[in-house]
């Protein structure tokens, strides 16, 4: 299925929801933008496939909009935690196949998990972790927690590890951490052998247990 055949609905058109709508549409997906505020909906009328003023905590509204036919419904309601929880619950009970939700904090996330949200996004927390990793060591180009105790990181090869075989790098030597790919210049290579010498500027894309990965990154 190509992107033009995928259908996404975004409930809540604050900065996060609006940016999400714009990016999804720019990539060619079909996007339905929803909010109870008419002014927010009006701003996206010319951007998305459809923009509708609607209260998605109402079962009749969900049925009328046929949200159960969408690939993913994203609930990005801002500070109104109660509205976010109620909307998520009603969407799941209405048979919407996949519901993603933006969580305000860890307590909000716990409730969303209990009521069946398929994926919970904590943008401020996730971005904070990524920026902190980069602040601690600029060789950690990017870091992302995957949930379930797993994480993925992009590690830049510096002079210290220049010429070292891939298999001896501290991120992968004697560990369960896996090298998913090596980015060298504009190309991404998935078939580098462990005896491949590293070059300055190479970026290792590695994944593994979050605790082990975090510990090993400290010693880069």
Protein backbone atom coordinates (compact mmCIF):
# COMPACT_ATOMS: atom_id res chain seq x y z
CA UNK A 1 0.00 0.00 0.00
CA UNK A 2 1.47 3.38 -0.97
CA UNK A 3 1.10 6.49 1.18
CA UNK A 4 -1.71 7.93 -0.92
CA UNK A 5 -3.83 4.92 0.08
CA UNK A 6 -3.15 5.26 3.80
CA UNK A 7 -5.67 7.17 5.90
CA UNK A 8 -4.79 8.93 9.13
CA UNK A 9 -6.95 10.97 11.45
CA UNK A 10 -5.52 13.47 13.94
CA UNK A 11 -7.69 14.55 16.88
CA UNK A 12 -6.46 17.76 18.47
CA UNK A 13 -4.84 20.46 16.36
CA UNK A 14 -2.42 22.20 18.66
CA UNK A 15 1.21 22.70 17.59
CA UNK A 16 1.97 18.97 17.76
CA UNK A 17 -1.20 17.85 15.99
CA UNK A 18 -0.97 20.53 13.30
CA UNK A 19 2.68 19.72 12.55
CA UNK A 20 1.76 16.04 12.36
CA UNK A 21 -1.04 16.74 9.88
CA UNK A 22 1.19 18.89 7.69
CA UNK A 23 4.01 16.34 7.57
CA UNK A 24 1.71 13.39 6.87
CA UNK A 25 0.03 15.29 4.05
CA UNK A 26 3.36 16.46 2.66
CA UNK A 27 4.42 12.81 2.46
CA UNK A 28 1.31 12.02 0.42
CA UNK A 29 -0.98 10.41 3.01
CA UNK A 30 -4.71 11.06 3.32
CA UNK A 31 -5.28 13.10 6.48
CA UNK A 32 -8.45 13.96 8.39
CA UNK A 33 -7.86 16.80 10.87
CA UNK A 34 -10.30 17.05 13.80
CA UNK A 35 -10.76 19.51 16.65
CA UNK A 36 -13.60 21.07 18.63
CA UNK A 37 -12.15 24.54 17.98
CA UNK A 38 -13.32 25.99 14.67
CA UNK A 39 -10.36 28.39 14.35
CA UNK A 40 -7.83 25.54 14.59
CA UNK A 41 -9.67 23.50 11.98
CA UNK A 42 -9.88 26.51 9.66
CA UNK A 43 -6.09 26.87 9.64
CA UNK A 44 -5.67 23.40 8.12
CA UNK A 45 -8.55 23.36 5.64
CA UNK A 46 -6.24 24.03 2.69
CA UNK A 47 -3.49 21.72 3.96
CA UNK A 48 -5.07 18.34 4.72
CA UNK A 49 -7.49 16.09 2.83
CA UNK A 50 -10.40 16.94 5.15
CA UNK A 51 -10.72 19.17 8.22
CA UNK A 52 -13.77 18.86 10.45
CA UNK A 53 -15.01 20.52 13.64
CA UNK A 54 -15.94 17.54 15.81
CA UNK A 55 -16.03 16.22 19.36
CA UNK A 56 -14.41 12.79 19.14
CA UNK A 57 -15.37 11.86 22.69
CA UNK A 58 -18.86 11.29 21.27
CA UNK A 59 -19.63 7.79 19.97
CA UNK A 60 -22.08 9.04 17.33
CA UNK A 61 -19.45 11.39 15.92
CA UNK A 62 -16.91 8.59 15.59
CA UNK A 63 -19.44 6.41 13.82
CA UNK A 64 -20.45 9.24 11.48
CA UNK A 65 -16.82 9.96 10.57
CA UNK A 66 -16.13 6.21 10.10
CA UNK A 67 -12.91 6.45 12.08
CA UNK A 68 -12.85 2.67 12.41
CA UNK A 69 -11.82 2.57 8.74
CA UNK A 70 -8.65 4.63 9.28
CA UNK A 71 -5.19 3.06 9.53
CA UNK A 72 -4.23 5.12 12.59
CA UNK A 73 -6.11 7.67 14.67
CA UNK A 74 -3.75 9.95 16.59
CA UNK A 75 -5.12 11.65 19.71
CA UNK A 76 -3.01 14.76 20.24
CA UNK A 77 -5.27 16.68 22.61
CA UNK A 78 -3.15 19.13 24.59
CA UNK A 79 -3.60 19.92 28.28
CA UNK A 80 -7.10 18.49 28.71
CA UNK A 81 -6.09 15.09 30.09
CA UNK A 82 -9.69 14.06 30.78
CA UNK A 83 -10.70 14.76 27.17
CA UNK A 84 -7.69 12.81 25.93
CA UNK A 85 -8.53 9.78 28.07
CA UNK A 86 -12.24 9.82 27.23
CA UNK A 87 -11.56 10.20 23.50
CA UNK A 88 -9.09 7.31 23.56
CA UNK A 89 -11.53 5.10 25.42
CA UNK A 90 -14.42 5.88 23.07
CA UNK A 91 -12.24 5.31 19.99
CA UNK A 92 -11.13 1.89 21.22
CA UNK A 93 -14.67 0.87 22.19
CA UNK A 94 -15.86 1.97 18.73
CA UNK A 95 -13.50 -0.55 17.14
CA UNK A 96 -10.85 1.84 15.82
CA UNK A 97 -8.05 -0.54 14.88
CA UNK A 98 -5.02 1.51 15.95
CA UNK A 99 -5.05 4.46 18.35
CA UNK A 100 -1.90 6.44 19.10
CA UNK A 101 -2.01 9.04 21.88
CA UNK A 102 0.20 11.91 22.97
CA UNK A 103 0.69 11.76 26.74
CA UNK A 104 1.18 14.85 28.90
CA UNK A 105 3.09 13.04 31.66
CA UNK A 106 3.83 9.57 33.04
CA UNK A 107 0.55 9.36 34.97
CA UNK A 108 -1.43 10.21 31.86
CA UNK A 109 0.60 7.56 30.01
CA UNK A 110 -0.21 4.90 32.63
CA UNK A 111 -3.94 5.50 32.28
CA UNK A 112 -3.72 5.44 28.49
CA UNK A 113 -1.91 2.13 28.68
CA UNK A 114 -4.61 0.65 30.91
CA UNK A 115 -7.45 1.66 28.60
CA UNK A 116 -5.81 0.14 25.55
CA UNK A 117 -3.94 2.86 23.64
CA UNK A 118 -1.87 1.08 21.01
CA UNK A 119 1.06 3.49 21.18
CA UNK A 120 1.80 6.25 23.66
CA UNK A 121 4.01 9.17 22.67
CA UNK A 122 5.65 11.45 25.22
CA UNK A 123 7.26 14.07 22.96
CA UNK A 124 8.73 16.28 25.65
CA UNK A 125 10.22 13.35 27.58
CA UNK A 126 11.53 11.58 24.49
CA UNK A 127 13.10 14.74 23.10
CA UNK A 128 14.58 15.55 26.50
CA UNK A 129 16.29 12.15 26.65
CA UNK A 130 17.65 12.54 23.11
CA UNK A 131 19.03 16.01 23.79
CA UNK A 132 20.54 14.91 27.12
CA UNK A 133 22.41 12.06 25.43
CA UNK A 134 23.82 14.48 22.90
CA UNK A 135 24.79 16.99 25.61
CA UNK A 136 26.59 14.31 27.60
CA UNK A 137 28.60 13.17 24.61
CA UNK A 138 28.46 14.73 21.16
CA UNK A 139 29.59 11.42 19.69
CA UNK A 140 26.09 10.12 20.43
CA UNK A 141 24.45 11.67 17.39
CA UNK A 142 20.96 10.50 18.31
CA UNK A 143 19.26 8.25 20.87
CA UNK A 144 15.74 6.87 20.98
CA UNK A 145 14.04 4.67 23.55
CA UNK A 146 11.95 1.99 21.82
CA UNK A 147 10.06 0.84 24.90
CA UNK A 148 10.17 -2.64 26.48
CA UNK A 149 13.69 -1.91 27.73
CA UNK A 150 15.16 -1.43 24.25
CA UNK A 151 16.84 1.56 22.62
CA UNK A 152 18.51 2.59 19.39
CA UNK A 153 21.41 5.04 19.03
CA UNK A 154 23.53 6.64 16.34
CA UNK A 155 27.19 6.81 17.35
CA UNK A 156 29.75 8.88 15.46
CA UNK A 157 33.23 7.38 14.98
CA UNK A 158 35.97 9.79 16.09
CA UNK A 159 39.76 9.76 15.88
CA UNK A 160 39.99 7.44 18.92
CA UNK A 161 38.32 4.58 17.07
CA UNK A 162 39.63 5.34 13.57
CA UNK A 163 40.89 2.16 11.90
CA UNK A 164 39.42 -0.09 14.60
CA UNK A 165 37.56 -3.16 13.26
CA UNK A 166 33.81 -2.81 13.69
CA UNK A 167 33.72 -5.89 15.92
CA UNK A 168 36.10 -4.29 18.46
CA UNK A 169 34.16 -1.09 18.95
CA UNK A 170 33.06 -0.67 22.55
CA UNK A 171 29.38 -0.60 21.58
CA UNK A 172 29.45 -4.10 20.13
CA UNK A 173 32.42 -5.92 21.65
CA UNK A 174 31.32 -8.71 24.02
CA UNK A 175 27.75 -7.45 24.23
CA UNK A 176 24.24 -8.14 23.02
CA UNK A 177 24.19 -4.82 21.18
CA UNK A 178 23.63 -5.23 17.46
CA UNK A 179 24.89 -3.02 14.62
CA UNK A 180 21.88 -2.45 12.37
CA UNK A 181 23.76 -0.44 9.78
CA UNK A 182 26.77 1.79 9.19
CA UNK A 183 26.30 5.17 7.56
CA UNK A 184 29.37 6.23 5.60
CA UNK A 185 29.00 9.50 3.75
CA UNK A 186 25.67 9.55 1.92
CA UNK A 187 25.33 5.75 1.92
CA UNK A 188 23.94 3.29 4.46
CA UNK A 189 25.54 -0.17 4.54
CA UNK A 190 23.87 -3.17 6.17
CA UNK A 191 26.45 -5.79 5.22
CA UNK A 192 29.62 -4.54 6.93
CA UNK A 193 31.61 -7.44 8.39
CA UNK A 194 32.95 -7.25 11.96
CA UNK A 195 36.47 -6.99 10.53
CA UNK A 196 35.62 -3.83 8.54
CA UNK A 197 37.89 -0.96 9.66
CA UNK A 198 36.02 2.11 10.87
CA UNK A 199 36.59 5.54 9.38
CA UNK A 200 36.26 8.94 11.03
CA UNK A 201 32.77 10.26 10.49
CA UNK A 202 31.17 6.82 10.18
CA UNK A 203 27.88 6.61 12.05
CA UNK A 204 27.01 3.30 13.69
CA UNK A 205 23.29 2.64 14.05
CA UNK A 206 23.12 0.29 17.02
CA UNK A 207 20.31 -1.23 19.08
CA UNK A 208 20.03 -3.31 22.22
CA UNK A 209 19.00 -3.40 25.85
CA UNK A 210 18.60 0.17 27.05
CA UNK A 211 20.58 -0.31 30.27
CA UNK A 212 23.52 -1.96 28.53
CA UNK A 213 23.55 0.52 25.68
CA UNK A 214 23.45 3.49 28.06
CA UNK A 215 26.30 2.03 30.14
CA UNK A 216 28.52 1.40 27.15
CA UNK A 217 27.88 4.84 25.69
CA UNK A 218 29.33 6.34 28.89
CA UNK A 219 32.72 4.86 28.02
CA UNK A 220 32.97 6.06 24.43
